[in-house]
Protein backbone atom coordinates (compact mmCIF):
# COMPACT_ATOMS: atom_id res chain seq x y z
CA UNK A 1 12.76 2.15 -13.64
CA UNK A 2 10.50 -0.63 -12.41
CA UNK A 3 7.10 -0.05 -10.84
CA UNK A 4 7.60 -3.18 -8.71
CA UNK A 5 9.27 -3.68 -5.34
CA UNK A 6 10.69 -6.85 -3.83
CA UNK A 7 9.85 -8.79 -0.68
CA UNK A 8 13.05 -7.52 0.97
CA UNK A 9 12.11 -3.93 0.21
CA UNK A 10 8.61 -4.39 1.64
CA UNK A 11 10.04 -6.09 4.73
CA UNK A 12 12.31 -3.07 5.25
CA UNK A 13 9.28 -0.75 5.45
CA UNK A 14 8.00 -2.02 8.82
CA UNK A 15 9.38 0.96 10.75
CA UNK A 16 9.94 3.32 7.81
CA UNK A 17 7.66 6.32 8.24
CA UNK A 18 8.91 7.91 4.99
CA UNK A 19 7.24 5.32 2.73
CA UNK A 20 3.52 4.60 2.88
CA UNK A 21 2.67 0.90 2.43
CA UNK A 22 -1.01 0.65 1.48
CA UNK A 23 -2.90 -2.66 1.45
CA UNK A 24 -5.84 -2.24 -0.95
CA UNK A 25 -7.70 -5.41 0.05
CA UNK A 26 -11.08 -5.23 1.78
CA UNK A 27 -11.09 -5.17 5.60
CA UNK A 28 -12.78 -8.59 5.72
CA UNK A 29 -9.83 -10.08 3.82
CA UNK A 30 -7.34 -8.57 6.27
CA UNK A 31 -9.34 -9.95 9.19
CA UNK A 32 -9.06 -13.45 7.69
CA UNK A 33 -5.38 -13.36 6.73
CA UNK A 34 -3.51 -10.63 8.56
CA UNK A 35 -1.47 -7.73 7.24
CA UNK A 36 2.06 -6.92 6.21
CA UNK A 37 3.71 -5.15 9.17
CA UNK A 38 3.68 -1.38 8.78
CA UNK A 39 0.88 -1.28 6.23
CA UNK A 40 -2.33 0.72 6.37
CA UNK A 41 -5.58 -0.38 4.75
CA UNK A 42 -7.32 1.68 2.09
CA UNK A 43 -9.56 -0.61 0.00
CA UNK A 44 -9.16 -0.17 -3.75
CA UNK A 45 -12.83 0.87 -4.05
CA UNK A 46 -12.19 3.91 -1.81
CA UNK A 47 -8.58 4.70 -2.74
CA UNK A 48 -9.25 7.53 -5.20
CA UNK A 49 -11.76 9.20 -2.88
CA UNK A 50 -9.40 8.88 0.09
CA UNK A 51 -6.35 10.25 -1.72
CA UNK A 52 -8.25 13.12 -3.31
CA UNK A 53 -10.81 14.20 -0.75
CA UNK A 54 -9.63 13.26 2.74
CA UNK A 55 -8.19 16.23 4.63
CA UNK A 56 -4.71 16.00 6.13
CA UNK A 57 -6.24 15.94 9.62
CA UNK A 58 -8.80 13.24 8.76
CA UNK A 59 -6.07 11.10 7.20
CA UNK A 60 -3.91 11.43 10.34
CA UNK A 61 -6.85 10.53 12.58
CA UNK A 62 -7.90 7.48 10.57
CA UNK A 63 -4.52 6.06 9.53
CA UNK A 64 -2.13 7.53 12.13
CA UNK A 65 0.15 8.58 9.29
CA UNK A 66 0.66 11.79 7.36
CA UNK A 67 -1.42 12.12 4.22
CA UNK A 68 0.84 11.49 1.24
CA UNK A 69 1.87 14.29 -1.06
CA UNK A 70 2.43 13.76 -4.78
CA UNK A 71 6.09 12.96 -4.03
CA UNK A 72 5.60 10.65 -1.04
CA UNK A 73 6.87 7.14 -1.84
CA UNK A 74 3.84 4.82 -1.97
CA UNK A 75 3.83 1.02 -2.19
CA UNK A 76 0.59 -0.82 -2.87
CA UNK A 77 -0.14 -4.41 -1.89
CA UNK A 78 -3.14 -6.73 -2.18
CA UNK A 79 -3.75 -10.48 -2.24
CA UNK A 80 -1.86 -11.46 -5.38
CA UNK A 81 -0.87 -8.33 -7.31
CA UNK A 82 -3.84 -7.45 -9.52
CA UNK A 83 -5.50 -4.85 -7.31
CA UNK A 84 -2.16 -3.36 -6.28
CA UNK A 85 -1.35 -2.85 -9.98
CA UNK A 86 -4.72 -1.12 -10.44
CA UNK A 87 -3.99 1.03 -7.37
CA UNK A 88 -0.58 1.92 -8.81
CA UNK A 89 -2.16 3.00 -12.10
CA UNK A 90 -4.78 5.04 -10.26
CA UNK A 91 -2.18 6.77 -8.08
CA UNK A 92 -0.03 7.62 -11.08
CA UNK A 93 -3.07 9.06 -12.85
CA UNK A 94 -3.65 11.24 -9.77
CA UNK A 95 -0.07 12.53 -10.01
CA UNK A 96 1.73 10.41 -7.40
CA UNK A 97 5.16 10.18 -9.00
CA UNK A 98 6.81 7.78 -6.51
CA UNK A 99 4.19 5.02 -6.51
CA UNK A 100 5.10 1.33 -6.83
CA UNK A 101 3.48 -2.01 -6.08
CA UNK A 102 4.42 -5.32 -4.53
CA UNK A 103 3.38 -7.87 -7.18
CA UNK A 104 3.51 -10.85 -4.82
CA UNK A 105 0.91 -9.39 -2.49
CA UNK A 106 -0.13 -11.15 0.67
CA UNK A 107 0.29 -14.56 -0.96
CA UNK A 108 3.90 -13.81 -1.89
CA UNK A 109 4.55 -12.25 1.50
CA UNK A 110 3.46 -15.41 3.35
CA UNK A 111 5.48 -17.67 1.03
CA UNK A 112 8.62 -15.55 1.39
CA UNK A 113 8.25 -15.32 5.18
CA UNK A 114 8.29 -19.12 5.35
CA UNK A 115 11.62 -19.28 3.51
CA UNK A 116 13.36 -16.22 4.99
């Protein structure tokens, strides 16, 4: 089973509250480029801390989503796929069994949006 998801899959997540799409870029990058619809931002540098130590209530307040459990489907995205792969590895090491990443990242998203 692949750890990667496609553009079409990511596009389908816009209104899907069952899958958590996490952009691991820094907030300054998102401000410059924009975000994939439906994603939340947890920078890679704070991902482990956020997943391990944020309470359910804090997570809901900050991200307006339920904190993921170890079985929640997660999809990580970044600029070009490197940080999302690192986020995927980190999540799997923390026991998240349904984690995947979007290897095209923001760059691939923009390119695909132009052709679809």
